[in-house]
Amino acid sequence: MEARQDRYWLLGEPGWWGLGETMPPDFRTGELPPPEGWVSTTPRVGNFGWCRQRLRPLAWPLLRPMAWAPLFLATSAVPLALPGRTPFDQALAVGLFAISWSLVFFPILFARNSQPMSADGLLSLPVDTISLGLAAAVFPLHFYYHPMAGWVSYALCWVAYFRTVMLVQAAMLVPPARFLLPVEPSDWEPSLQDPWERQSGSWGRKEIASAPARFGRLVISGTSRSGQDFLSLAFVHSSGFVQDPFHEGHDPSSGVQEALESPIPISGLQWPSNFLVHSEEE
C-alpha cells in the first residue's frame, strides 16, 4: 500500500515505523542507492533522478492475523478428539479449521493486492499448497479405511502452516519499495538491452518491460500521481510481492544486481516539489 499524502508518498508514512511526527530517513537499514551510472536522488535532495518509494511494511497486515491462526487450527481438533462432548462437533471443527486458514490466506492475498505492480496469480501466493493438497487427499481416507488417516491429514495441515510461514518470511526478507522517475510519456523510446524484454513500445499505466531473475523478475511500468507521470522500477518476487530492487537483502545469485548494472536509458524530468521533503517540515 502507498502513503496517502504526497509529502509521505516517497519516504513512507512515519506511523508505519512508529516515528510519530518525525519524517523517515532517506535511507533505512539495507537500502542501497542505484549503482554508478544511474542518476538518482532522495526526497530531501530532489532535482533529477530515480527516487525510492517505500510501500507499507508487510509485518502488521500479515503477521498479526497469521499469529492467531494456530489457535484456531489447534482448537479445531478438540471436537474430533472428544466426539459427542460438543454439539455439532464436526461442523464446529470445520468452522474452526476454516477460520484458521482464512487468517492465513486472505491477509496474504489482500496485502499483496494492495501493492502497486504486484503479480495477481493465486498459485504464486506464498502458501504451501502441496502439503495442503496432500492433506485434502488423505482426509477422506479416514471414512473408508482408518480414523488415523484423519490425524495424518491434520498433521499435514500443521506442516503446511509452518511451511507457509517460511514462505512468507522469504517474501519479506527484502522490504517493499520501488524506484520512480518523473517523465514526459512521449520521451519514452525504449532501447533496452538484454536481459530486458519489452511488453510495450510506448509509455502506459501498465507493464512496459521486464527482465527475468532468480526468485522473480524485474519490472518497469508506468504510473501517475497528482498529475505527474512516472516510470517505476521494482523487483517482483516469485510470490508476487513487490521488493526494493536496490537492497542488500537480495541473494547475490539472484541476478538482480547484474541486470541493474546499466541504467535505463531515459533522463526524466525534475521532481515536483509536492513530493519532496522541505527543511521546514522536518
Protein backbone atom coordinates (compact mmCIF):
# COMPACT_ATOMS: atom_id res chain seq x y z
CA MET A 1 0.00 0.00 0.00
CA GLU A 2 1.19 3.52 -0.81
CA ALA A 3 1.20 6.51 1.52
CA ARG A 4 -1.94 8.61 1.24
CA GLN A 5 -0.41 12.11 1.16
CA ASP A 6 2.02 13.40 -1.46
CA ARG A 7 4.52 14.55 1.21
CA TYR A 8 4.80 10.97 2.50
CA TRP A 9 4.47 9.25 -0.87
CA LEU A 10 8.19 8.59 -1.30
CA LEU A 11 9.57 8.23 2.24
CA GLY A 12 6.52 6.43 3.61
CA GLU A 13 4.21 7.38 6.47
CA PRO A 14 6.01 7.84 9.83
CA GLY A 15 3.40 5.72 11.60
CA TRP A 16 4.50 2.65 9.67
CA TRP A 17 7.66 2.58 11.78
CA GLY A 18 6.30 4.21 14.95
CA LEU A 19 8.13 7.50 14.30
CA GLY A 20 5.33 9.80 15.46
CA GLU A 21 5.65 13.08 13.56
CA THR A 22 9.30 12.52 12.60
CA MET A 23 9.89 12.12 8.88
CA PRO A 24 11.56 8.81 7.91
CA PRO A 25 15.22 8.99 6.83
CA ASP A 26 16.30 8.96 3.20
CA PHE A 27 17.99 5.57 3.75
CA ARG A 28 16.92 2.81 6.09
CA THR A 29 18.98 -0.23 7.04
CA GLY A 30 19.81 -2.32 3.97
CA GLU A 31 18.66 0.24 1.41
CA LEU A 32 21.21 0.98 -1.30
CA PRO A 33 21.49 3.75 -3.89
CA PRO A 34 21.50 2.69 -7.54
CA PRO A 35 24.98 1.88 -8.90
CA GLU A 36 27.25 4.37 -10.64
CA GLY A 37 25.87 5.45 -13.97
CA TRP A 38 22.35 5.87 -12.65
CA VAL A 39 21.08 9.36 -11.92
CA SER A 40 19.35 9.05 -8.55
CA THR A 41 18.15 11.32 -5.79
CA THR A 42 16.28 11.33 -2.47
CA PRO A 43 13.17 13.20 -1.29
CA ARG A 44 15.37 15.66 0.65
CA VAL A 45 17.56 16.43 -2.37
CA GLY A 46 15.08 16.49 -5.25
CA ASN A 47 16.20 17.80 -8.64
CA PHE A 48 16.52 14.94 -11.17
CA GLY A 49 16.84 11.18 -10.98
CA TRP A 50 15.33 7.94 -9.80
CA CYS A 51 13.97 8.03 -6.27
CA ARG A 52 12.91 5.24 -3.91
CA GLN A 53 9.24 4.97 -2.98
CA ARG A 54 8.66 2.89 0.14
CA LEU A 55 5.47 0.88 0.42
CA ARG A 56 3.77 -0.12 3.66
CA PRO A 57 5.78 -2.80 5.52
CA LEU A 58 4.17 -6.22 5.48
CA ALA A 59 4.68 -7.08 9.15
CA TRP A 60 1.37 -5.87 10.59
CA PRO A 61 -1.08 -6.82 7.82
CA LEU A 62 0.44 -10.31 7.64
CA LEU A 63 1.99 -11.37 10.93
CA ARG A 64 -0.76 -10.30 13.32
CA PRO A 65 -3.59 -12.38 11.76
CA MET A 66 -1.24 -15.26 10.97
CA ALA A 67 -0.22 -15.38 14.63
CA TRP A 68 -3.84 -16.16 15.56
CA ALA A 69 -4.21 -18.95 13.01
CA PRO A 70 -2.50 -21.69 15.13
CA LEU A 71 -5.01 -21.12 17.96
CA PHE A 72 -7.96 -21.91 15.70
CA LEU A 73 -6.11 -24.74 13.97
CA ALA A 74 -5.33 -26.34 17.35
CA THR A 75 -8.88 -25.95 18.70
CA SER A 76 -10.34 -27.42 15.50
CA ALA A 77 -9.04 -30.82 16.65
CA VAL A 78 -10.76 -30.69 20.07
CA PRO A 79 -14.31 -31.54 18.87
CA LEU A 80 -12.95 -34.50 16.90
CA ALA A 81 -10.70 -35.71 19.71
CA LEU A 82 -13.67 -35.63 22.11
CA PRO A 83 -16.59 -36.77 19.93
CA GLY A 84 -20.05 -36.35 21.38
CA ARG A 85 -18.97 -33.87 24.05
CA THR A 86 -19.62 -30.77 21.99
CA PRO A 87 -22.77 -30.02 19.97
CA PHE A 88 -22.31 -30.29 16.22
CA ASP A 89 -18.71 -31.39 16.74
CA GLN A 90 -17.92 -31.95 13.05
CA ALA A 91 -19.44 -28.62 11.97
CA LEU A 92 -17.57 -26.85 14.77
CA ALA A 93 -14.28 -28.47 13.74
CA VAL A 94 -14.79 -27.48 10.11
CA GLY A 95 -15.66 -23.91 11.13
CA LEU A 96 -12.57 -23.51 13.32
CA PHE A 97 -10.39 -25.02 10.60
CA ALA A 98 -11.82 -22.60 8.01
CA ILE A 99 -11.19 -19.63 10.31
CA SER A 100 -7.58 -20.69 10.86
CA TRP A 101 -6.76 -20.83 7.16
CA SER A 102 -8.76 -17.69 6.41
CA LEU A 103 -6.40 -15.89 8.81
CA VAL A 104 -3.53 -17.14 6.66
CA PHE A 105 -4.80 -16.94 3.08
CA PHE A 106 -6.79 -13.69 2.98
CA PRO A 107 -4.22 -11.43 4.71
CA ILE A 108 -1.56 -12.68 2.29
CA LEU A 109 -3.85 -12.10 -0.70
CA PHE A 110 -5.03 -8.64 0.42
CA ALA A 111 -1.52 -7.48 1.39
CA ARG A 112 -0.15 -8.47 -2.00
CA ASN A 113 -3.03 -6.98 -3.97
CA SER A 114 -2.62 -3.65 -2.17
CA GLN A 115 0.88 -3.26 -3.61
CA PRO A 116 1.28 -1.48 -6.95
CA MET A 117 2.99 -3.65 -9.59
CA SER A 118 2.37 -6.90 -7.67
CA ALA A 119 1.53 -10.11 -9.53
CA ASP A 120 -2.01 -11.43 -9.24
CA GLY A 121 -1.84 -15.21 -9.74
CA LEU A 122 -3.35 -17.20 -6.87
CA LEU A 123 -0.96 -20.10 -7.37
CA SER A 124 2.05 -17.83 -6.83
CA LEU A 125 0.94 -16.85 -3.31
CA PRO A 126 3.43 -17.93 -0.61
CA VAL A 127 1.16 -20.72 0.64
CA ASP A 128 2.25 -24.36 0.90
CA THR A 129 -0.38 -25.72 -1.48
CA ILE A 130 1.47 -29.04 -1.83
CA SER A 131 1.05 -30.02 1.83
CA LEU A 132 -2.50 -28.68 1.84
CA GLY A 133 -3.30 -30.72 -1.25
CA LEU A 134 -1.89 -33.85 0.36
CA ALA A 135 -3.94 -33.16 3.49
CA ALA A 136 -7.09 -32.81 1.39
CA ALA A 137 -6.31 -36.05 -0.45
CA VAL A 138 -5.64 -38.04 2.73
CA PHE A 139 -8.58 -36.75 4.77
CA PRO A 140 -11.38 -38.76 3.01
CA LEU A 141 -9.47 -41.99 3.73
CA HIS A 142 -10.49 -41.84 7.39
CA PHE A 143 -14.10 -42.50 6.31
CA TYR A 144 -13.24 -45.67 4.38
CA TYR A 145 -10.05 -47.14 5.84
CA HIS A 146 -8.91 -45.98 9.27
CA PRO A 147 -9.58 -43.00 11.57
CA MET A 148 -5.83 -42.38 11.82
CA ALA A 149 -5.91 -41.05 8.26
CA GLY A 150 -7.78 -38.04 9.62
CA TRP A 151 -4.98 -37.31 12.09
CA VAL A 152 -2.38 -37.70 9.34
CA SER A 153 -4.31 -35.13 7.33
CA TYR A 154 -4.43 -32.83 10.37
CA ALA A 155 -0.67 -33.17 10.87
CA LEU A 156 -0.11 -32.24 7.22
CA CYS A 157 -2.13 -29.07 7.80
CA TRP A 158 0.34 -28.10 10.53
CA VAL A 159 3.21 -28.82 8.15
CA ALA A 160 1.51 -26.58 5.58
CA TYR A 161 1.12 -23.78 8.13
CA PHE A 162 4.77 -23.77 9.21
CA ARG A 163 6.00 -24.03 5.63
CA THR A 164 3.69 -21.15 4.67
CA VAL A 165 5.22 -19.05 7.45
CA MET A 166 8.66 -19.79 6.00
CA LEU A 167 7.50 -18.82 2.50
CA VAL A 168 6.05 -15.55 3.81
CA GLN A 169 9.30 -14.80 5.63
CA ALA A 170 11.21 -15.33 2.38
CA ALA A 171 8.91 -12.85 0.64
CA MET A 172 9.54 -10.32 3.44
CA LEU A 173 13.35 -10.55 3.51
CA VAL A 174 13.54 -7.50 1.23
CA PRO A 175 11.21 -4.60 2.17
CA PRO A 176 8.53 -3.47 -0.32
CA ALA A 177 9.64 -0.50 -2.39
CA ARG A 178 10.10 0.64 -5.96
CA PHE A 179 12.05 3.36 -7.75
CA LEU A 180 10.28 6.17 -9.61
CA LEU A 181 11.34 8.64 -12.28
CA PRO A 182 9.11 11.56 -13.37
CA VAL A 183 8.86 11.51 -17.15
CA GLU A 184 7.13 13.00 -20.13
CA PRO A 185 5.43 9.94 -21.70
CA SER A 186 6.38 10.97 -25.23
CA ASP A 187 10.08 10.89 -24.22
CA TRP A 188 9.94 7.15 -23.54
CA GLU A 189 11.57 5.45 -26.52
CA PRO A 190 12.77 2.15 -25.09
CA SER A 191 16.13 0.96 -26.35
CA LEU A 192 16.59 -1.66 -23.68
CA GLN A 193 19.31 -4.28 -23.91
CA ASP A 194 19.41 -7.84 -22.65
CA PRO A 195 18.10 -9.16 -20.34
CA TRP A 196 15.19 -6.71 -20.71
CA GLU A 197 12.19 -7.75 -22.78
CA ARG A 198 9.71 -5.13 -23.98
CA GLN A 199 5.99 -5.64 -23.45
CA SER A 200 5.04 -2.26 -24.93
CA GLY A 201 6.66 0.24 -27.27
CA SER A 202 5.12 3.27 -25.58
CA TRP A 203 4.58 4.55 -22.05
CA GLY A 204 1.35 3.50 -20.36
CA ARG A 205 -0.07 2.72 -16.92
CA LYS A 206 0.84 -0.91 -17.37
CA GLU A 207 3.85 -3.20 -17.52
CA ILE A 208 6.26 -1.89 -20.13
CA ALA A 209 9.27 -4.21 -19.84
CA SER A 210 10.62 -7.00 -17.66
CA ALA A 211 13.83 -8.91 -17.04
CA PRO A 212 13.99 -12.44 -15.64
CA ALA A 213 15.89 -13.11 -12.43
CA ARG A 214 16.19 -15.90 -9.94
CA PHE A 215 13.33 -15.83 -7.39
CA GLY A 216 11.31 -13.38 -9.52
CA ARG A 217 11.70 -10.71 -12.17
CA LEU A 218 12.44 -7.02 -12.59
CA VAL A 219 9.57 -4.95 -13.95
CA ILE A 220 9.30 -1.48 -15.49
CA SER A 221 5.82 0.01 -15.63
CA GLY A 222 4.09 3.37 -15.90
CA THR A 223 2.17 5.08 -13.12
CA SER A 224 0.76 8.53 -12.32
CA ARG A 225 0.19 10.63 -9.23
CA SER A 226 -1.15 14.16 -8.76
CA GLY A 227 -0.97 14.93 -12.48
CA GLN A 228 2.60 13.67 -12.92
CA ASP A 229 3.55 10.58 -14.94
CA PHE A 230 6.33 8.25 -13.82
CA LEU A 231 8.36 5.25 -14.82
CA SER A 232 8.50 2.75 -11.97
CA LEU A 233 11.06 0.00 -11.41
CA ALA A 234 10.60 -2.87 -8.96
CA PHE A 235 11.60 -6.45 -8.30
CA VAL A 236 8.52 -8.68 -8.25
CA HIS A 237 9.26 -11.74 -6.14
CA SER A 238 8.09 -15.17 -7.30
CA SER A 239 5.38 -14.91 -4.62
CA GLY A 240 4.02 -11.83 -6.41
CA PHE A 241 5.11 -9.37 -3.71
CA VAL A 242 6.97 -6.20 -4.67
CA GLN A 243 10.52 -5.80 -3.33
CA ASP A 244 13.06 -2.97 -3.33
CA PRO A 245 15.27 -3.54 -6.41
CA PHE A 246 18.29 -1.90 -4.73
CA HIS A 247 18.60 -3.66 -1.38
CA GLU A 248 21.36 -5.69 0.24
CA GLY A 249 18.83 -8.40 1.14
CA HIS A 250 18.77 -9.78 -2.40
CA ASP A 251 20.60 -13.07 -2.88
CA PRO A 252 23.89 -12.41 -4.74
CA SER A 253 23.00 -15.25 -7.11
CA SER A 254 19.60 -13.77 -7.99
CA GLY A 255 20.94 -11.81 -10.97
CA VAL A 256 19.22 -8.61 -9.83
CA GLN A 257 22.44 -6.64 -9.39
CA GLU A 258 23.76 -7.75 -12.77
CA ALA A 259 20.54 -6.78 -14.58
CA LEU A 260 20.63 -3.31 -13.00
CA GLU A 261 24.29 -2.51 -13.64
CA SER A 262 23.35 -0.43 -16.70
CA PRO A 263 20.87 2.43 -16.19
CA ILE A 264 17.57 2.60 -18.02
CA PRO A 265 18.17 4.98 -20.97
CA ILE A 266 15.96 7.97 -20.10
CA SER A 267 16.84 11.17 -18.24
CA GLY A 268 13.46 12.12 -16.81
CA LEU A 269 12.05 15.39 -15.51
CA GLN A 270 12.71 17.41 -12.39
CA TRP A 271 10.88 16.17 -9.30
CA PRO A 272 7.72 18.15 -8.45
CA SER A 273 8.08 19.92 -5.10
CA ASN A 274 4.90 18.41 -3.61
CA PHE A 275 6.63 15.02 -3.35
CA LEU A 276 9.78 16.36 -1.69
CA VAL A 277 10.67 16.98 1.95
CA HIS A 278 11.39 20.61 2.76
CA SER A 279 13.50 21.74 5.70
CA GLU A 280 10.60 23.49 7.43
CA GLU A 281 8.71 20.17 7.54
CA GLU A 282 11.45 18.39 9.49
